[in-house]
Amino acid sequence: VVWRGSVSRLGLKPENGVEVVATGKISSYGERSSYQLIIDRLDYAGEGALLARIERLRLKLAAEGLFDAAGKRALPFLPDVIGVVTSAQGAVMHDIRTTIGRRFPRRLLVWPVAVQ
């Protein structure tokens, strides 16, 4: 059960087929042996929780004006620096340096990580 006054505090509108986590109190009615869950809090579960977090972040960033066209800069035609995330050892690093140096000589930043 969600009381009408509590709906606005829940922060989301429940829809059919959406998985949620409901938190609240259980009440019982002894004469009919019936129970009900009085919901105080409702959160998305699983994939819905992630999508809700993404949407909240998007709204926050939009409120800060980070998506406004006026604040955007044009991308440069060619990059000044190229970053590579790979193993520092092995033939792959030699191949990357050689290919970039031959085709597109630019400053190269390497972040070494363990790779399989």
Protein backbone atom coordinates (compact mmCIF):
# COMPACT_ATOMS: atom_id res chain seq x y z
CA VAL A 1 0.00 0.00 0.00
CA VAL A 2 1.25 3.44 -0.88
CA TRP A 3 -0.76 6.24 0.67
CA ARG A 4 -1.59 9.21 -1.53
CA GLY A 5 0.43 11.58 0.66
CA SER A 6 3.50 9.34 0.36
CA VAL A 7 3.56 9.10 -3.44
CA SER A 8 5.32 12.45 -3.93
CA ARG A 9 8.04 11.49 -1.41
CA LEU A 10 8.86 8.22 -3.19
CA GLY A 11 10.74 9.98 -5.98
CA LEU A 12 9.65 7.56 -8.69
CA LYS A 13 6.46 6.47 -10.36
CA PRO A 14 6.00 2.70 -10.25
CA GLU A 15 5.17 1.12 -13.61
CA ASN A 16 4.14 -2.39 -14.60
CA GLY A 17 7.09 -4.71 -15.17
CA VAL A 18 9.66 -2.54 -13.36
CA GLU A 19 11.57 -4.29 -10.58
CA VAL A 20 11.70 -2.28 -7.34
CA VAL A 21 12.86 -2.60 -3.75
CA ALA A 22 10.12 -1.56 -1.33
CA THR A 23 10.84 -0.61 2.27
CA GLY A 24 8.16 0.00 4.86
CA LYS A 25 6.13 -1.42 7.73
CA ILE A 26 3.92 -4.47 7.87
CA SER A 27 0.53 -3.97 9.42
CA SER A 28 -2.03 -6.64 10.23
CA TYR A 29 -5.76 -6.66 10.60
CA GLY A 30 -6.61 -9.42 13.07
CA GLU A 31 -10.31 -9.83 12.30
CA ARG A 32 -9.62 -10.88 8.70
CA SER A 33 -6.07 -12.21 9.18
CA SER A 34 -4.85 -9.87 6.46
CA TYR A 35 -1.48 -8.20 6.18
CA GLN A 36 -0.28 -5.25 4.17
CA LEU A 37 3.04 -3.58 3.50
CA ILE A 38 2.83 0.17 3.98
CA ILE A 39 5.58 1.49 1.71
CA ASP A 40 7.77 4.33 2.97
CA ARG A 41 10.51 4.09 0.37
CA LEU A 42 10.66 2.75 -3.16
CA ASP A 43 13.86 2.31 -5.21
CA TYR A 44 14.57 0.76 -8.57
CA ALA A 45 16.28 -2.63 -8.42
CA GLY A 46 18.81 -4.13 -10.79
CA GLU A 47 19.20 -2.38 -14.13
CA GLY A 48 16.52 0.16 -13.22
CA ALA A 49 18.65 1.37 -10.29
CA LEU A 50 21.57 2.07 -12.60
CA LEU A 51 19.35 3.88 -15.10
CA ALA A 52 17.87 5.98 -12.28
CA ARG A 53 21.37 6.97 -11.08
CA ILE A 54 22.37 7.92 -14.63
CA GLU A 55 19.23 10.02 -15.05
CA ARG A 56 19.81 11.83 -11.72
CA LEU A 57 23.40 12.58 -12.76
CA ARG A 58 22.25 13.80 -16.18
CA LEU A 59 19.72 16.16 -14.57
CA LYS A 60 22.35 17.47 -12.13
CA LEU A 61 24.86 18.13 -14.90
CA ALA A 62 22.19 19.75 -17.07
CA ALA A 63 21.27 22.05 -14.16
CA GLU A 64 24.94 23.09 -13.99
CA GLY A 65 24.77 23.97 -17.68
CA LEU A 66 27.32 21.41 -18.79
CA PHE A 67 25.24 20.35 -21.81
CA ASP A 68 24.55 23.89 -23.07
CA ALA A 69 25.69 24.53 -26.64
CA ALA A 70 27.20 27.87 -25.62
CA GLY A 71 29.75 26.17 -23.37
CA LYS A 72 30.91 23.61 -25.90
CA ARG A 73 34.18 23.97 -27.78
CA ALA A 74 34.88 22.64 -31.23
CA LEU A 75 37.05 19.55 -31.43
CA PRO A 76 40.47 20.15 -32.97
CA PHE A 77 40.99 18.67 -36.42
CA LEU A 78 44.03 16.71 -35.23
CA PRO A 79 45.01 15.77 -31.66
CA ASP A 80 48.20 17.12 -30.07
CA VAL A 81 48.66 14.13 -27.76
CA ILE A 82 47.68 10.48 -28.17
CA GLY A 83 47.06 8.31 -25.10
CA VAL A 84 47.51 4.55 -25.12
CA VAL A 85 46.44 2.16 -22.35
CA THR A 86 48.29 -1.14 -22.77
CA SER A 87 51.14 -3.27 -21.49
CA ALA A 88 54.45 -1.40 -21.32
CA GLN A 89 56.37 -4.51 -22.37
CA GLY A 90 56.09 -6.65 -25.43
CA ALA A 91 55.90 -6.17 -29.15
CA VAL A 92 52.64 -4.26 -28.96
CA MET A 93 54.33 -1.14 -27.57
CA HIS A 94 56.97 -1.23 -30.30
CA ASP A 95 54.26 -1.62 -32.96
CA ILE A 96 52.21 1.27 -31.58
CA ARG A 97 55.19 3.63 -31.36
CA THR A 98 56.39 2.70 -34.86
CA THR A 99 52.97 3.03 -36.50
CA ILE A 100 52.10 6.34 -34.83
CA GLY A 101 55.58 7.72 -35.51
CA ARG A 102 55.35 6.79 -39.17
CA ARG A 103 51.75 7.78 -39.90
CA PHE A 104 51.01 10.55 -37.46
CA PRO A 105 53.98 11.83 -35.43
CA ARG A 106 52.54 13.19 -32.20
CA ARG A 107 53.36 13.07 -28.51
CA LEU A 108 52.43 9.68 -27.08
CA LEU A 109 51.34 9.08 -23.48
CA VAL A 110 51.40 5.48 -22.30
CA TRP A 111 49.46 4.23 -19.26
CA PRO A 112 50.86 0.77 -18.50
CA VAL A 113 48.34 -1.81 -17.33
CA ALA A 114 48.33 -5.57 -16.97
CA VAL A 115 46.81 -7.18 -20.04
CA GLN A 116 46.02 -10.77 -20.85
